[in-house]
C-alpha atoms as a PDB file:
ATOM      1  CA  GLY A   1       3.299   4.905 -25.510  1.00  0.00           C
ATOM      2  CA  LYS A   2       2.503   6.736 -22.352  1.00  0.00           C
ATOM      3  CA  GLY A   3      -1.054   6.073 -21.164  1.00  0.00           C
ATOM      4  CA  ARG A   4      -3.337   6.777 -24.079  1.00  0.00           C
ATOM      5  CA  PRO A   5      -6.934   7.567 -23.038  1.00  0.00           C
ATOM      6  CA  VAL A   6      -9.362   4.636 -23.301  1.00  0.00           C
ATOM      7  CA  ASP A   7     -13.127   5.035 -23.732  1.00  0.00           C
ATOM      8  CA  PHE A   8     -14.888   2.689 -21.306  1.00  0.00           C
ATOM      9  CA  GLY A   9     -18.332   3.723 -22.536  1.00  0.00           C
ATOM     10  CA  GLU A  10     -21.186   4.481 -20.172  1.00  0.00           C
ATOM     11  CA  PHE A  11     -23.040   2.414 -17.598  1.00  0.00           C
ATOM     12  CA  PRO A  12     -26.295   3.522 -15.905  1.00  0.00           C
ATOM     13  CA  PHE A  13     -25.261   3.274 -12.233  1.00  0.00           C
ATOM     14  CA  ARG A  14     -27.987   3.795  -9.642  1.00  0.00           C
ATOM     15  CA  THR A  15     -27.185   5.108  -6.186  1.00  0.00           C
ATOM     16  CA  GLY A  16     -27.750   2.473  -3.511  1.00  0.00           C
ATOM     17  CA  GLU A  17     -27.790  -0.469  -5.937  1.00  0.00           C
ATOM     18  CA  CYS A  18     -25.198  -3.280  -5.694  1.00  0.00           C
ATOM     19  CA  TYR A  19     -23.311  -4.473  -8.759  1.00  0.00           C
ATOM     20  CA  ARG A  20     -21.115  -7.394  -9.696  1.00  0.00           C
ATOM     21  CA  LEU A  21     -17.935  -7.005 -11.747  1.00  0.00           C
ATOM     22  CA  ARG A  22     -15.910  -9.603 -13.627  1.00  0.00           C
ATOM     23  CA  PHE A  23     -12.550  -8.610 -15.068  1.00  0.00           C
ATOM     24  CA  THR A  24     -10.020 -10.633 -17.030  1.00  0.00           C
ATOM     25  CA  CYS A  25      -6.583  -9.811 -18.332  1.00  0.00           C
ATOM     26  CA  ARG A  26      -4.703 -12.318 -20.441  1.00  0.00           C
ATOM     27  CA  ASN A  27      -1.786 -12.488 -22.821  1.00  0.00           C
ATOM     28  CA  LEU A  28      -2.678 -13.464 -26.394  1.00  0.00           C
ATOM     29  CA  PRO A  29       0.303 -15.502 -27.603  1.00  0.00           C
ATOM     30  CA  GLU A  30      -1.334 -16.123 -31.008  1.00  0.00           C
ATOM     31  CA  ALA A  31      -1.834 -12.399 -31.743  1.00  0.00           C
ATOM     32  CA  GLU A  32       0.638 -10.367 -33.802  1.00  0.00           C
ATOM     33  CA  PRO A  33       3.190  -9.237 -32.881  1.00  0.00           C
ATOM     34  CA  ARG A  34       3.598 -12.673 -31.300  1.00  0.00           C
ATOM     35  CA  GLY A  35       3.377 -12.701 -27.521  1.00  0.00           C
ATOM     36  CA  GLN A  36       3.125  -8.929 -27.245  1.00  0.00           C
ATOM     37  CA  VAL A  37      -0.635  -8.384 -27.038  1.00  0.00           C
ATOM     38  CA  THR A  38      -2.747  -8.312 -23.875  1.00  0.00           C
ATOM     39  CA  GLU A  39      -6.554  -8.567 -23.832  1.00  0.00           C
ATOM     40  CA  TYR A  40      -8.445  -6.696 -21.112  1.00  0.00           C
ATOM     41  CA  ARG A  41     -12.194  -7.154 -20.634  1.00  0.00           C
ATOM     42  CA  PHE A  42     -14.812  -6.573 -17.998  1.00  0.00           C
ATOM     43  CA  LYS A  43     -18.513  -6.884 -17.448  1.00  0.00           C
ATOM     44  CA  ILE A  44     -20.673  -5.197 -14.861  1.00  0.00           C
ATOM     45  CA  TRP A  45     -24.282  -5.946 -13.967  1.00  0.00           C
ATOM     46  CA  PRO A  46     -26.786  -5.371 -11.153  1.00  0.00           C
ATOM     47  CA  GLN A  47     -26.460  -7.952  -8.375  1.00  0.00           C
ATOM     48  CA  THR A  48     -30.169  -8.785  -8.689  1.00  0.00           C
ATOM     49  CA  VAL A  49     -29.916 -10.190 -12.250  1.00  0.00           C
ATOM     50  CA  PRO A  50     -27.968 -13.139 -13.754  1.00  0.00           C
ATOM     51  CA  GLU A  51     -24.508 -12.544 -15.183  1.00  0.00           C
ATOM     52  CA  PRO A  52     -24.722 -11.397 -18.826  1.00  0.00           C
ATOM     53  CA  ALA A  53     -23.035 -13.509 -21.501  1.00  0.00           C
ATOM     54  CA  ASP A  54     -21.471 -10.493 -23.256  1.00  0.00           C
ATOM     55  CA  TRP A  55     -18.603  -8.392 -21.950  1.00  0.00           C
ATOM     56  CA  THR A  56     -19.317  -4.709 -21.281  1.00  0.00           C
ATOM     57  CA  TRP A  57     -15.881  -3.697 -22.561  1.00  0.00           C
ATOM     58  CA  VAL A  58     -13.039  -5.454 -24.432  1.00  0.00           C
ATOM     59  CA  GLN A  59      -9.705  -3.902 -25.402  1.00  0.00           C
ATOM     60  CA  ASN A  60      -6.530  -5.414 -26.876  1.00  0.00           C
ATOM     61  CA  GLN A  61      -3.281  -3.570 -26.321  1.00  0.00           C
ATOM     62  CA  GLY A  62       0.076  -4.236 -27.891  1.00  0.00           C
ATOM     63  CA  LEU A  63       3.466  -3.256 -26.557  1.00  0.00           C
ATOM     64  CA  PRO A  64       4.541  -0.757 -25.339  1.00  0.00           C
ATOM     65  CA  ASP A  65       1.110  -0.136 -23.683  1.00  0.00           C
ATOM     66  CA  ALA A  66       0.267  -3.729 -22.741  1.00  0.00           C
ATOM     67  CA  LEU A  67       1.174  -4.928 -19.281  1.00  0.00           C
ATOM     68  CA  ARG A  68       2.971  -8.267 -19.209  1.00  0.00           C
ATOM     69  CA  ALA A  69       2.548  -8.729 -15.437  1.00  0.00           C
ATOM     70  CA  GLY A  70       0.866  -6.785 -12.688  1.00  0.00           C
ATOM     71  CA  GLY A  71      -1.735  -6.701  -9.960  1.00  0.00           C
ATOM     72  CA  VAL A  72      -5.280  -5.676  -9.134  1.00  0.00           C
ATOM     73  CA  ALA A  73      -6.469  -2.454  -7.501  1.00  0.00           C
ATOM     74  CA  LEU A  74     -10.021  -1.452  -6.617  1.00  0.00           C
ATOM     75  CA  VAL A  75     -10.275   2.309  -6.346  1.00  0.00           C
ATOM     76  CA  ALA A  76     -13.280   4.548  -5.736  1.00  0.00           C
ATOM     77  CA  HIS A  77     -12.637   7.987  -7.225  1.00  0.00           C
ATOM     78  CA  TYR A  78     -14.826  10.728  -5.723  1.00  0.00           C
ATOM     79  CA  ALA A  79     -17.417   8.197  -4.543  1.00  0.00           C
ATOM     80  CA  ASP A  80     -18.394   6.454  -1.312  1.00  0.00           C
ATOM     81  CA  VAL A  81     -18.039   2.818  -2.355  1.00  0.00           C
ATOM     82  CA  SER A  82     -17.624  -0.437  -0.485  1.00  0.00           C
ATOM     83  CA  PHE A  83     -16.281  -3.654  -1.994  1.00  0.00           C
ATOM     84  CA  GLY A  84     -17.488  -7.119  -1.002  1.00  0.00           C
ATOM     85  CA  ASP A  85     -15.633 -10.420  -1.335  1.00  0.00           C
ATOM     86  CA  LEU A  86     -12.902 -10.544  -3.956  1.00  0.00           C
ATOM     87  CA  ARG A  87     -11.740 -13.697  -5.722  1.00  0.00           C
ATOM     88  CA  VAL A  88      -8.627 -13.759  -7.878  1.00  0.00           C
ATOM     89  CA  ARG A  89      -7.887 -16.889  -9.867  1.00  0.00           C
ATOM     90  CA  ARG A  90      -5.674 -17.982 -12.705  1.00  0.00           C
ATOM     91  CA  LEU A  91      -7.376 -18.192 -16.119  1.00  0.00           C
ATOM     92  CA  GLU A  92      -7.548 -21.690 -17.580  1.00  0.00           C
END
Protein backbone atom coordinates (compact mmCIF):
# COMPACT_ATOMS: atom_id res chain seq x y z
CA GLY A 1 0.00 0.00 0.00
CA LYS A 2 1.28 3.30 -1.21
CA GLY A 3 -0.02 6.20 0.88
CA ARG A 4 -3.77 5.85 1.04
CA PRO A 5 -5.57 9.14 1.81
CA VAL A 6 -6.60 9.59 5.46
CA ASP A 7 -9.46 11.83 6.60
CA PHE A 8 -8.27 13.91 9.56
CA GLY A 9 -11.66 15.59 9.96
CA GLU A 10 -12.02 19.31 10.52
CA PHE A 11 -10.86 21.64 13.27
CA PRO A 12 -12.05 25.27 13.65
CA PHE A 13 -8.69 27.09 13.62
CA ARG A 14 -8.74 30.81 14.36
CA THR A 15 -6.08 33.12 12.99
CA GLY A 16 -3.87 34.51 15.74
CA GLU A 17 -4.88 31.91 18.34
CA CYS A 18 -2.31 29.52 19.87
CA TYR A 19 -2.97 25.80 20.06
CA ARG A 20 -1.47 22.80 21.80
CA LEU A 21 -0.96 19.45 20.07
CA ARG A 22 -0.33 16.02 21.54
CA PHE A 23 0.58 13.17 19.21
CA THR A 24 1.34 9.53 19.95
CA CYS A 25 2.43 6.68 17.76
CA ARG A 26 2.79 3.20 19.19
CA ASN A 27 3.03 -0.38 18.06
CA LEU A 28 0.14 -2.61 19.16
CA PRO A 29 1.73 -6.02 19.76
CA GLU A 30 -1.61 -7.54 20.84
CA ALA A 31 -3.41 -6.55 17.61
CA GLU A 32 -3.79 -8.93 14.66
CA PRO A 33 -1.75 -9.56 12.64
CA ARG A 34 0.51 -9.82 15.68
CA GLY A 35 3.08 -7.05 15.96
CA GLN A 36 2.16 -5.49 12.63
CA VAL A 37 -0.28 -2.76 13.66
CA THR A 38 0.59 0.82 14.59
CA GLU A 39 -1.80 3.22 16.37
CA TYR A 40 -1.56 6.93 15.54
CA ARG A 41 -3.54 9.52 17.49
CA PHE A 42 -3.51 13.23 18.14
CA LYS A 43 -5.45 15.89 19.94
CA ILE A 44 -5.43 19.62 19.39
CA TRP A 45 -6.95 22.32 21.57
CA PRO A 46 -6.71 26.07 22.18
CA GLN A 47 -3.86 26.98 24.53
CA THR A 48 -6.29 28.88 26.78
CA VAL A 49 -8.31 25.79 27.80
CA PRO A 50 -7.37 22.55 29.64
CA GLU A 51 -6.29 19.52 27.64
CA PRO A 52 -9.33 17.48 26.51
CA ALA A 53 -9.61 13.86 27.65
CA ASP A 54 -10.61 12.59 24.18
CA TRP A 55 -8.34 12.33 21.16
CA THR A 56 -9.26 14.42 18.11
CA TRP A 57 -8.20 11.64 15.74
CA VAL A 58 -7.24 7.95 16.12
CA GLN A 59 -6.16 5.63 13.31
CA ASN A 60 -4.76 2.08 13.34
CA GLN A 61 -2.71 0.97 10.37
CA GLY A 62 -1.48 -2.49 9.55
CA LEU A 63 1.43 -3.43 7.34
CA PRO A 64 2.37 -2.48 4.68
CA ASP A 65 1.16 1.08 5.57
CA ALA A 66 2.20 1.14 9.24
CA LEU A 67 5.57 2.59 10.12
CA ARG A 68 7.64 0.42 12.44
CA ALA A 69 10.18 3.18 13.20
CA GLY A 70 10.55 6.79 12.23
CA GLY A 71 10.79 10.39 13.32
CA VAL A 72 8.81 13.57 13.85
CA ALA A 73 8.39 16.50 11.46
CA LEU A 74 6.45 19.71 12.02
CA VAL A 75 5.53 21.26 8.70
CA ALA A 76 3.44 24.33 7.90
CA HIS A 77 1.92 23.97 4.43
CA TYR A 78 0.87 27.29 2.88
CA ALA A 79 0.67 28.98 6.29
CA ASP A 80 2.79 31.30 8.42
CA VAL A 81 3.20 29.19 11.55
CA SER A 82 5.63 29.20 14.44
CA PHE A 83 6.24 26.26 16.77
CA GLY A 84 7.04 26.63 20.47
CA ASP A 85 8.85 24.15 22.72
CA LEU A 86 8.79 20.53 21.61
CA ARG A 87 9.08 17.55 23.94
CA VAL A 88 9.58 14.03 22.65
CA ARG A 89 9.44 11.17 25.12
CA ARG A 90 9.12 7.42 25.10
CA LEU A 91 5.63 6.07 25.83
CA GLU A 92 5.36 4.05 29.03
